[in-house]
N, C-alpha and C. Protein backbone atom coordinates (compact mmCIF):
# COMPACT_ATOMS: atom_id res chain seq x y z
N MET A 1 73.62 106.12 -256.28
CA MET A 1 73.60 107.52 -255.92
C MET A 1 73.58 107.65 -254.40
N LEU A 2 74.44 108.48 -253.86
CA LEU A 2 74.45 108.74 -252.44
C LEU A 2 73.49 109.89 -252.12
N VAL A 3 72.93 109.85 -250.93
CA VAL A 3 72.09 110.94 -250.46
C VAL A 3 73.02 112.02 -249.92
N GLN A 4 72.80 113.24 -250.37
CA GLN A 4 73.60 114.37 -249.93
C GLN A 4 72.75 115.28 -249.05
N ARG A 5 73.29 115.67 -247.93
CA ARG A 5 72.48 116.46 -246.99
C ARG A 5 71.97 117.75 -247.62
N GLU A 6 72.73 118.36 -248.54
CA GLU A 6 72.30 119.61 -249.17
C GLU A 6 71.14 119.40 -250.13
N ARG A 7 70.93 118.16 -250.56
CA ARG A 7 69.86 117.85 -251.51
C ARG A 7 68.70 117.11 -250.87
N ALA A 8 68.84 116.73 -249.59
CA ALA A 8 67.87 115.83 -248.97
C ALA A 8 66.81 116.55 -248.15
N CYS A 9 65.67 115.89 -248.06
CA CYS A 9 64.62 116.24 -247.11
C CYS A 9 64.15 114.93 -246.48
N LEU A 10 63.53 115.03 -245.32
CA LEU A 10 62.99 113.86 -244.63
C LEU A 10 61.48 113.92 -244.74
N LEU A 11 60.89 112.83 -245.21
CA LEU A 11 59.43 112.73 -245.36
C LEU A 11 58.93 111.64 -244.43
N ILE A 12 58.15 112.03 -243.44
CA ILE A 12 57.60 111.12 -242.44
C ILE A 12 56.14 110.90 -242.78
N ILE A 13 55.80 109.65 -243.08
CA ILE A 13 54.47 109.34 -243.57
C ILE A 13 53.62 108.65 -242.50
N ASP A 14 52.57 109.33 -242.07
CA ASP A 14 51.45 108.76 -241.30
C ASP A 14 51.84 108.02 -240.02
N MET A 15 52.75 108.57 -239.27
CA MET A 15 53.16 107.96 -237.99
C MET A 15 52.20 108.43 -236.90
N GLN A 16 50.97 107.97 -236.99
CA GLN A 16 49.88 108.48 -236.17
C GLN A 16 49.52 107.56 -235.01
N GLU A 17 49.05 108.18 -233.93
CA GLU A 17 48.85 107.46 -232.68
C GLU A 17 47.83 106.33 -232.75
N ARG A 18 46.82 106.43 -233.59
CA ARG A 18 45.84 105.34 -233.69
C ARG A 18 46.22 104.29 -234.72
N LEU A 19 47.16 104.60 -235.57
CA LEU A 19 47.59 103.67 -236.61
C LEU A 19 48.81 102.85 -236.16
N LEU A 20 49.71 103.46 -235.45
CA LEU A 20 50.96 102.80 -235.08
C LEU A 20 50.80 101.52 -234.25
N PRO A 21 49.88 101.45 -233.28
CA PRO A 21 49.81 100.23 -232.46
C PRO A 21 49.55 98.95 -233.26
N ALA A 22 49.00 99.06 -234.45
CA ALA A 22 48.71 97.89 -235.28
C ALA A 22 49.92 97.42 -236.09
N MET A 23 51.02 98.18 -236.05
CA MET A 23 52.18 97.86 -236.88
C MET A 23 53.05 96.77 -236.27
N ALA A 24 53.52 95.86 -237.12
CA ALA A 24 54.51 94.85 -236.70
C ALA A 24 55.84 95.55 -236.51
N GLY A 25 56.54 95.24 -235.43
CA GLY A 25 57.85 95.84 -235.18
C GLY A 25 57.78 97.29 -234.78
N LEU A 26 56.81 97.64 -233.95
CA LEU A 26 56.59 99.04 -233.59
C LEU A 26 57.78 99.66 -232.87
N GLU A 27 58.34 98.98 -231.88
CA GLU A 27 59.43 99.59 -231.10
C GLU A 27 60.66 99.90 -231.96
N PRO A 28 61.13 98.95 -232.79
CA PRO A 28 62.26 99.30 -233.66
C PRO A 28 61.92 100.44 -234.64
N LEU A 29 60.69 100.46 -235.13
CA LEU A 29 60.26 101.53 -236.03
C LEU A 29 60.39 102.89 -235.36
N LEU A 30 59.87 103.01 -234.14
CA LEU A 30 59.93 104.28 -233.43
C LEU A 30 61.37 104.67 -233.08
N HIS A 31 62.18 103.68 -232.75
CA HIS A 31 63.59 103.95 -232.44
C HIS A 31 64.31 104.53 -233.65
N GLN A 32 64.16 103.89 -234.80
CA GLN A 32 64.84 104.35 -236.02
C GLN A 32 64.29 105.71 -236.45
N ALA A 33 62.98 105.90 -236.34
CA ALA A 33 62.38 107.19 -236.68
C ALA A 33 62.99 108.29 -235.81
N GLY A 34 63.17 108.00 -234.53
CA GLY A 34 63.76 108.98 -233.63
C GLY A 34 65.17 109.37 -234.04
N ILE A 35 65.97 108.39 -234.44
CA ILE A 35 67.34 108.66 -234.90
C ILE A 35 67.31 109.57 -236.13
N LEU A 36 66.46 109.23 -237.09
CA LEU A 36 66.40 110.02 -238.33
C LEU A 36 65.91 111.44 -238.08
N ILE A 37 64.94 111.59 -237.19
CA ILE A 37 64.44 112.93 -236.87
C ILE A 37 65.53 113.75 -236.19
N ARG A 38 66.19 113.17 -235.21
CA ARG A 38 67.27 113.89 -234.50
C ARG A 38 68.36 114.31 -235.49
N ALA A 39 68.76 113.41 -236.35
CA ALA A 39 69.82 113.71 -237.32
C ALA A 39 69.38 114.78 -238.31
N ALA A 40 68.17 114.65 -238.84
CA ALA A 40 67.69 115.64 -239.80
C ALA A 40 67.61 117.03 -239.17
N LYS A 41 67.15 117.09 -237.94
CA LYS A 41 67.07 118.39 -237.27
C LYS A 41 68.47 118.95 -237.02
N ARG A 42 69.39 118.12 -236.56
CA ARG A 42 70.75 118.58 -236.27
C ARG A 42 71.45 119.09 -237.52
N LEU A 43 71.15 118.47 -238.65
CA LEU A 43 71.80 118.83 -239.92
C LEU A 43 70.98 119.81 -240.75
N ASP A 44 69.91 120.32 -240.16
CA ASP A 44 69.05 121.34 -240.81
C ASP A 44 68.42 120.87 -242.11
N LEU A 45 68.01 119.61 -242.16
CA LEU A 45 67.27 119.12 -243.31
C LEU A 45 65.80 119.49 -243.16
N PRO A 46 65.15 119.88 -244.25
CA PRO A 46 63.71 120.11 -244.17
C PRO A 46 62.99 118.80 -243.82
N ILE A 47 61.95 118.91 -243.02
CA ILE A 47 61.16 117.74 -242.61
C ILE A 47 59.71 118.00 -242.96
N LEU A 48 59.12 117.06 -243.69
CA LEU A 48 57.68 117.08 -243.97
C LEU A 48 57.04 115.90 -243.26
N VAL A 49 55.85 116.14 -242.70
CA VAL A 49 55.12 115.09 -241.99
C VAL A 49 53.71 115.03 -242.54
N SER A 50 53.28 113.84 -242.95
CA SER A 50 51.90 113.68 -243.40
C SER A 50 51.09 112.97 -242.33
N GLU A 51 49.79 113.25 -242.34
CA GLU A 51 48.84 112.55 -241.48
C GLU A 51 47.65 112.13 -242.34
N GLN A 52 47.46 110.83 -242.43
CA GLN A 52 46.36 110.28 -243.21
C GLN A 52 45.07 110.41 -242.40
N TYR A 53 44.12 111.17 -242.93
CA TYR A 53 42.81 111.33 -242.31
C TYR A 53 42.92 111.45 -240.78
N PRO A 54 43.53 112.54 -240.30
CA PRO A 54 43.78 112.67 -238.86
C PRO A 54 42.52 112.65 -238.00
N LYS A 55 41.40 113.03 -238.56
CA LYS A 55 40.14 112.98 -237.79
C LYS A 55 39.84 111.55 -237.34
N GLY A 56 40.17 110.58 -238.17
CA GLY A 56 39.92 109.19 -237.84
C GLY A 56 41.11 108.47 -237.23
N LEU A 57 42.32 108.81 -237.69
CA LEU A 57 43.52 108.09 -237.25
C LEU A 57 44.34 108.85 -236.21
N GLY A 58 43.87 110.03 -235.84
CA GLY A 58 44.55 110.79 -234.81
C GLY A 58 45.77 111.53 -235.32
N PRO A 59 46.40 112.30 -234.45
CA PRO A 59 47.59 113.06 -234.82
C PRO A 59 48.84 112.19 -234.83
N THR A 60 49.93 112.80 -235.23
CA THR A 60 51.24 112.14 -235.19
C THR A 60 51.54 111.71 -233.75
N ASP A 61 52.20 110.56 -233.62
CA ASP A 61 52.58 110.01 -232.32
C ASP A 61 53.17 111.11 -231.43
N PRO A 62 52.71 111.23 -230.18
CA PRO A 62 53.18 112.30 -229.30
C PRO A 62 54.70 112.32 -229.08
N ALA A 63 55.31 111.16 -228.95
CA ALA A 63 56.77 111.12 -228.75
C ALA A 63 57.49 111.69 -229.97
N LEU A 64 57.02 111.35 -231.15
CA LEU A 64 57.63 111.88 -232.37
C LEU A 64 57.36 113.38 -232.49
N ARG A 65 56.16 113.80 -232.13
CA ARG A 65 55.84 115.23 -232.17
C ARG A 65 56.79 116.00 -231.25
N GLY A 66 57.10 115.41 -230.10
CA GLY A 66 58.04 116.05 -229.18
C GLY A 66 59.41 116.22 -229.81
N LEU A 67 59.86 115.22 -230.55
CA LEU A 67 61.15 115.32 -231.24
C LEU A 67 61.12 116.35 -232.37
N LEU A 68 60.01 116.42 -233.05
CA LEU A 68 59.88 117.33 -234.19
C LEU A 68 59.83 118.79 -233.75
N GLY A 69 59.22 119.04 -232.60
CA GLY A 69 59.10 120.42 -232.12
C GLY A 69 58.02 121.19 -232.85
N ASN A 70 57.88 122.42 -232.48
CA ASN A 70 56.80 123.26 -233.02
C ASN A 70 57.07 123.77 -234.43
N GLU A 71 58.31 123.69 -234.88
CA GLU A 71 58.62 124.23 -236.21
C GLU A 71 58.17 123.32 -237.35
N VAL A 72 57.75 122.09 -237.04
CA VAL A 72 57.26 121.16 -238.06
C VAL A 72 55.76 120.94 -237.84
N SER A 73 54.97 121.32 -238.83
CA SER A 73 53.52 121.15 -238.75
C SER A 73 53.08 120.04 -239.69
N PRO A 74 52.47 118.98 -239.15
CA PRO A 74 51.98 117.90 -240.01
C PRO A 74 50.93 118.41 -240.99
N LEU A 75 50.94 117.81 -242.17
CA LEU A 75 49.98 118.16 -243.21
C LEU A 75 48.98 117.02 -243.37
N PRO A 76 47.69 117.31 -243.24
CA PRO A 76 46.68 116.26 -243.39
C PRO A 76 46.53 115.86 -244.86
N LYS A 77 46.14 114.61 -245.07
CA LYS A 77 45.90 114.13 -246.43
C LYS A 77 44.82 113.06 -246.42
N THR A 78 44.21 112.88 -247.56
CA THR A 78 43.30 111.73 -247.76
C THR A 78 43.80 110.85 -248.90
N HIS A 79 44.63 111.40 -249.78
CA HIS A 79 45.27 110.57 -250.81
C HIS A 79 46.25 109.63 -250.12
N PHE A 80 46.40 108.44 -250.64
CA PHE A 80 47.39 107.54 -250.06
C PHE A 80 48.80 108.02 -250.37
N SER A 81 49.01 108.51 -251.58
CA SER A 81 50.33 109.01 -251.99
C SER A 81 50.48 110.48 -251.62
N CYS A 82 51.57 110.80 -250.95
CA CYS A 82 51.88 112.21 -250.67
C CYS A 82 52.07 112.98 -251.98
N ALA A 83 52.53 112.29 -253.01
CA ALA A 83 52.77 112.93 -254.31
C ALA A 83 51.47 113.33 -255.00
N ASP A 84 50.35 112.76 -254.58
CA ASP A 84 49.05 113.08 -255.17
C ASP A 84 48.24 114.07 -254.35
N ASP A 85 48.61 114.27 -253.10
CA ASP A 85 47.88 115.19 -252.23
C ASP A 85 48.27 116.62 -252.58
N PRO A 86 47.30 117.51 -252.84
CA PRO A 86 47.65 118.86 -253.29
C PRO A 86 48.57 119.62 -252.33
N GLY A 87 48.32 119.57 -251.03
CA GLY A 87 49.15 120.31 -250.08
C GLY A 87 50.56 119.77 -249.99
N LEU A 88 50.69 118.47 -249.85
CA LEU A 88 52.02 117.85 -249.77
C LEU A 88 52.76 117.95 -251.10
N LYS A 89 52.03 117.79 -252.18
CA LYS A 89 52.66 117.92 -253.50
C LYS A 89 53.28 119.30 -253.68
N ALA A 90 52.56 120.34 -253.26
CA ALA A 90 53.07 121.70 -253.37
C ALA A 90 54.34 121.87 -252.54
N GLU A 91 54.35 121.32 -251.33
CA GLU A 91 55.54 121.41 -250.47
C GLU A 91 56.72 120.66 -251.08
N LEU A 92 56.45 119.48 -251.61
CA LEU A 92 57.51 118.68 -252.21
C LEU A 92 58.08 119.36 -253.46
N LEU A 93 57.20 119.93 -254.29
CA LEU A 93 57.66 120.65 -255.47
C LEU A 93 58.50 121.87 -255.09
N ALA A 94 58.09 122.57 -254.04
CA ALA A 94 58.86 123.73 -253.58
C ALA A 94 60.25 123.31 -253.11
N LEU A 95 60.32 122.19 -252.40
CA LEU A 95 61.63 121.68 -251.96
C LEU A 95 62.49 121.30 -253.16
N ALA A 96 61.89 120.63 -254.14
CA ALA A 96 62.64 120.23 -255.34
C ALA A 96 63.18 121.46 -256.06
N GLU A 97 62.39 122.52 -256.13
CA GLU A 97 62.83 123.75 -256.79
C GLU A 97 63.99 124.40 -256.04
N GLN A 98 64.09 124.15 -254.74
CA GLN A 98 65.19 124.68 -253.93
C GLN A 98 66.41 123.76 -253.95
N GLY A 99 66.37 122.72 -254.77
CA GLY A 99 67.48 121.79 -254.86
C GLY A 99 67.37 120.62 -253.89
N ARG A 100 66.30 120.53 -253.15
CA ARG A 100 66.06 119.41 -252.22
C ARG A 100 65.29 118.33 -252.97
N ASP A 101 66.02 117.62 -253.84
CA ASP A 101 65.38 116.66 -254.75
C ASP A 101 65.59 115.21 -254.34
N GLN A 102 66.02 114.97 -253.11
CA GLN A 102 66.17 113.62 -252.58
C GLN A 102 65.28 113.50 -251.34
N ALA A 103 64.28 112.63 -251.42
CA ALA A 103 63.33 112.45 -250.32
C ALA A 103 63.64 111.15 -249.59
N VAL A 104 64.05 111.28 -248.34
CA VAL A 104 64.31 110.13 -247.48
C VAL A 104 63.00 109.85 -246.74
N ILE A 105 62.47 108.64 -246.94
CA ILE A 105 61.11 108.33 -246.50
C ILE A 105 61.11 107.31 -245.37
N LEU A 106 60.31 107.61 -244.35
CA LEU A 106 60.02 106.64 -243.29
C LEU A 106 58.53 106.72 -242.99
N GLY A 107 57.99 105.65 -242.38
CA GLY A 107 56.59 105.71 -241.98
C GLY A 107 55.82 104.45 -242.24
N VAL A 108 54.50 104.62 -242.31
CA VAL A 108 53.58 103.50 -242.44
C VAL A 108 52.47 103.85 -243.44
N GLU A 109 51.77 102.92 -243.92
CA GLU A 109 52.14 101.55 -244.03
C GLU A 109 52.99 101.36 -245.27
N ALA A 110 53.99 100.51 -245.16
CA ALA A 110 54.96 100.32 -246.24
C ALA A 110 54.31 99.96 -247.56
N HIS A 111 53.27 99.12 -247.50
CA HIS A 111 52.68 98.62 -248.74
C HIS A 111 51.55 99.50 -249.29
N VAL A 112 51.24 100.58 -248.60
CA VAL A 112 50.17 101.47 -249.08
C VAL A 112 50.75 102.88 -249.29
N CYS A 113 50.73 103.71 -248.27
CA CYS A 113 51.13 105.10 -248.43
C CYS A 113 52.61 105.29 -248.74
N VAL A 114 53.47 104.51 -248.09
CA VAL A 114 54.91 104.62 -248.38
C VAL A 114 55.18 104.20 -249.82
N LEU A 115 54.66 103.06 -250.22
CA LEU A 115 54.87 102.56 -251.58
C LEU A 115 54.34 103.53 -252.63
N GLN A 116 53.10 103.97 -252.47
CA GLN A 116 52.51 104.85 -253.47
C GLN A 116 53.23 106.19 -253.54
N THR A 117 53.68 106.68 -252.40
CA THR A 117 54.45 107.93 -252.39
C THR A 117 55.80 107.74 -253.10
N ALA A 118 56.52 106.68 -252.72
CA ALA A 118 57.84 106.44 -253.31
C ALA A 118 57.75 106.28 -254.83
N LEU A 119 56.73 105.60 -255.30
CA LEU A 119 56.59 105.40 -256.75
C LEU A 119 56.12 106.67 -257.46
N GLY A 120 55.49 107.58 -256.72
CA GLY A 120 54.99 108.82 -257.33
C GLY A 120 55.98 109.98 -257.31
N LEU A 121 56.94 109.97 -256.41
CA LEU A 121 57.86 111.09 -256.27
C LEU A 121 58.70 111.40 -257.51
N PRO A 122 59.17 110.39 -258.26
CA PRO A 122 59.96 110.72 -259.45
C PRO A 122 59.19 111.61 -260.45
N GLN A 123 57.88 111.48 -260.49
CA GLN A 123 57.08 112.33 -261.38
C GLN A 123 57.12 113.80 -260.95
N LEU A 124 57.50 114.04 -259.69
CA LEU A 124 57.62 115.42 -259.19
C LEU A 124 59.08 115.90 -259.23
N GLY A 125 59.98 115.06 -259.74
CA GLY A 125 61.39 115.43 -259.81
C GLY A 125 62.18 115.11 -258.56
N LEU A 126 61.66 114.23 -257.72
CA LEU A 126 62.37 113.84 -256.49
C LEU A 126 62.78 112.38 -256.56
N ALA A 127 63.99 112.10 -256.08
CA ALA A 127 64.47 110.72 -255.98
C ALA A 127 64.08 110.18 -254.61
N PRO A 128 63.34 109.07 -254.56
CA PRO A 128 62.93 108.50 -253.28
C PRO A 128 63.95 107.51 -252.72
N PHE A 129 64.19 107.62 -251.41
CA PHE A 129 65.05 106.70 -250.66
C PHE A 129 64.22 106.21 -249.49
N VAL A 130 63.80 104.96 -249.51
CA VAL A 130 62.96 104.41 -248.46
C VAL A 130 63.85 103.72 -247.43
N VAL A 131 63.70 104.12 -246.17
CA VAL A 131 64.51 103.60 -245.07
C VAL A 131 63.86 102.31 -244.58
N ALA A 132 64.43 101.17 -244.97
CA ALA A 132 63.82 99.87 -244.72
C ALA A 132 63.56 99.59 -243.25
N ASP A 133 64.48 100.00 -242.38
CA ASP A 133 64.28 99.72 -240.95
C ASP A 133 63.45 100.80 -240.25
N ALA A 134 62.88 101.71 -241.03
CA ALA A 134 62.02 102.76 -240.48
C ALA A 134 60.68 102.83 -241.20
N VAL A 135 60.28 101.70 -241.80
CA VAL A 135 58.94 101.58 -242.37
C VAL A 135 58.32 100.29 -241.83
N ALA A 136 56.99 100.27 -241.77
CA ALA A 136 56.31 99.09 -241.23
C ALA A 136 54.94 98.95 -241.87
N SER A 137 54.41 97.76 -241.72
CA SER A 137 53.03 97.43 -242.10
C SER A 137 52.45 96.57 -240.99
N ARG A 138 51.16 96.33 -241.07
CA ARG A 138 50.54 95.46 -240.07
C ARG A 138 51.13 94.05 -240.12
N ARG A 139 51.35 93.58 -241.34
CA ARG A 139 51.89 92.23 -241.54
C ARG A 139 53.30 92.34 -242.12
N PRO A 140 54.26 91.64 -241.53
CA PRO A 140 55.64 91.71 -242.03
C PRO A 140 55.77 91.36 -243.51
N GLU A 141 54.96 90.40 -243.98
CA GLU A 141 55.08 90.03 -245.39
C GLU A 141 54.62 91.16 -246.31
N SER A 142 53.67 91.99 -245.88
CA SER A 142 53.25 93.14 -246.68
C SER A 142 54.39 94.15 -246.79
N ARG A 143 55.09 94.37 -245.68
CA ARG A 143 56.24 95.27 -245.68
C ARG A 143 57.32 94.76 -246.63
N GLN A 144 57.64 93.47 -246.54
CA GLN A 144 58.70 92.92 -247.38
C GLN A 144 58.33 92.96 -248.86
N LEU A 145 57.10 92.63 -249.19
CA LEU A 145 56.67 92.70 -250.59
C LEU A 145 56.74 94.13 -251.11
N ALA A 146 56.38 95.09 -250.27
CA ALA A 146 56.47 96.50 -250.68
C ALA A 146 57.91 96.91 -250.94
N LEU A 147 58.83 96.54 -250.04
CA LEU A 147 60.24 96.87 -250.24
C LEU A 147 60.78 96.23 -251.52
N ASP A 148 60.41 94.98 -251.75
CA ASP A 148 60.85 94.29 -252.97
C ASP A 148 60.31 94.99 -254.21
N ARG A 149 59.04 95.34 -254.19
CA ARG A 149 58.43 96.00 -255.35
C ARG A 149 59.07 97.36 -255.61
N MET A 150 59.25 98.14 -254.55
CA MET A 150 59.86 99.46 -254.72
C MET A 150 61.27 99.33 -255.30
N ALA A 151 62.05 98.38 -254.80
CA ALA A 151 63.41 98.18 -255.31
C ALA A 151 63.38 97.81 -256.79
N ARG A 152 62.48 96.92 -257.17
CA ARG A 152 62.36 96.54 -258.59
C ARG A 152 62.00 97.73 -259.47
N ASP A 153 61.23 98.67 -258.90
CA ASP A 153 60.78 99.83 -259.66
C ASP A 153 61.71 101.03 -259.55
N GLY A 154 62.93 100.82 -259.03
CA GLY A 154 63.94 101.86 -259.04
C GLY A 154 64.05 102.73 -257.80
N VAL A 155 63.27 102.41 -256.77
CA VAL A 155 63.38 103.16 -255.52
C VAL A 155 64.60 102.64 -254.76
N GLU A 156 65.40 103.55 -254.23
CA GLU A 156 66.57 103.16 -253.44
C GLU A 156 66.10 102.72 -252.06
N ILE A 157 66.49 101.53 -251.65
CA ILE A 157 66.17 101.02 -250.32
C ILE A 157 67.43 101.14 -249.48
N VAL A 158 67.31 101.83 -248.35
CA VAL A 158 68.45 102.15 -247.50
C VAL A 158 68.12 101.80 -246.04
N THR A 159 69.09 102.00 -245.15
CA THR A 159 68.87 101.82 -243.72
C THR A 159 69.11 103.14 -243.00
N THR A 160 68.70 103.19 -241.76
CA THR A 160 68.92 104.38 -240.95
C THR A 160 70.41 104.70 -240.87
N GLU A 161 71.23 103.68 -240.63
CA GLU A 161 72.67 103.91 -240.50
C GLU A 161 73.28 104.40 -241.81
N MET A 162 72.82 103.85 -242.94
CA MET A 162 73.30 104.34 -244.24
C MET A 162 73.00 105.83 -244.39
N MET A 163 71.77 106.22 -244.05
CA MET A 163 71.38 107.63 -244.20
C MET A 163 72.21 108.53 -243.30
N LEU A 164 72.39 108.10 -242.07
CA LEU A 164 73.15 108.90 -241.13
C LEU A 164 74.55 109.20 -241.67
N PHE A 165 75.24 108.17 -242.13
CA PHE A 165 76.61 108.36 -242.60
C PHE A 165 76.68 109.05 -243.96
N GLU A 166 75.67 108.87 -244.80
CA GLU A 166 75.65 109.62 -246.06
C GLU A 166 75.40 111.09 -245.81
N TRP A 167 74.49 111.40 -244.88
CA TRP A 167 74.25 112.80 -244.54
C TRP A 167 75.50 113.44 -243.94
N LEU A 168 76.21 112.69 -243.10
CA LEU A 168 77.41 113.23 -242.46
C LEU A 168 78.56 113.41 -243.44
N GLY A 169 78.78 112.43 -244.30
CA GLY A 169 79.81 112.55 -245.32
C GLY A 169 81.24 112.33 -244.86
N GLN A 170 81.56 112.65 -243.62
CA GLN A 170 82.93 112.48 -243.12
C GLN A 170 82.93 112.39 -241.60
N ALA A 171 84.01 111.81 -241.10
CA ALA A 171 84.22 111.73 -239.65
C ALA A 171 84.97 112.97 -239.19
N GLY A 172 85.12 113.11 -237.88
CA GLY A 172 85.93 114.17 -237.34
C GLY A 172 85.25 115.51 -237.19
N THR A 173 83.96 115.57 -237.43
CA THR A 173 83.23 116.83 -237.27
C THR A 173 82.42 116.77 -235.98
N PRO A 174 82.01 117.92 -235.46
CA PRO A 174 81.14 117.90 -234.28
C PRO A 174 79.84 117.13 -234.53
N GLU A 175 79.28 117.27 -235.75
CA GLU A 175 78.06 116.54 -236.09
C GLU A 175 78.28 115.04 -236.06
N PHE A 176 79.45 114.60 -236.58
CA PHE A 176 79.76 113.18 -236.58
C PHE A 176 79.80 112.63 -235.16
N LYS A 177 80.50 113.32 -234.29
CA LYS A 177 80.63 112.86 -232.91
C LYS A 177 79.25 112.75 -232.24
N GLU A 178 78.43 113.76 -232.44
CA GLU A 178 77.10 113.79 -231.82
C GLU A 178 76.17 112.74 -232.41
N LEU A 179 76.11 112.66 -233.74
CA LEU A 179 75.12 111.80 -234.38
C LEU A 179 75.54 110.33 -234.45
N SER A 180 76.83 110.05 -234.55
CA SER A 180 77.24 108.65 -234.56
C SER A 180 76.93 107.98 -233.23
N ALA A 181 76.84 108.75 -232.16
CA ALA A 181 76.48 108.21 -230.86
C ALA A 181 75.05 107.67 -230.85
N LEU A 182 74.22 108.13 -231.75
CA LEU A 182 72.81 107.67 -231.82
C LEU A 182 72.69 106.20 -232.22
N ILE A 183 73.70 105.67 -232.89
CA ILE A 183 73.60 104.28 -233.38
C ILE A 183 74.47 103.32 -232.62
N ARG A 184 75.12 103.78 -231.57
CA ARG A 184 75.97 102.89 -230.78
C ARG A 184 75.15 102.15 -229.77
């Protein structure tokens, strides 16, 4: 199944300033997250942002907050799965009811909140697509085991470039020219 921009939303999980420094591969993670945020905003995809226990782990990374702008307000959570958190669950269900039933997921940690969210979304009527080069864990082997497990359990594992071109759908548009430059 291809991700269609009319059906997609971007779900950014726990990219928080006190949590991110512990992640393996932090710079590539932030780079890919930036590409996905820019593309989602340019293509008018809804964006949801979770923050795991922000009192302890701080707010969303300032650079990412700058890209998101004021129109995106992070939602705090204590559940590991966004699909189990009442506030995020309500937002996700509302998006699904509007036909936004494909959730493109990036964030941390791959083996905890990303995994539990991806496995829980189908129960809410959303198809999860986890962006492999835009998720991280403290230990690389935890990230890889999470990606393997999610794939075995039916979660689509994709890359930033795959998402960009699936959202675009065709070349020769102003969006294509602008967004394809992000991956060169």
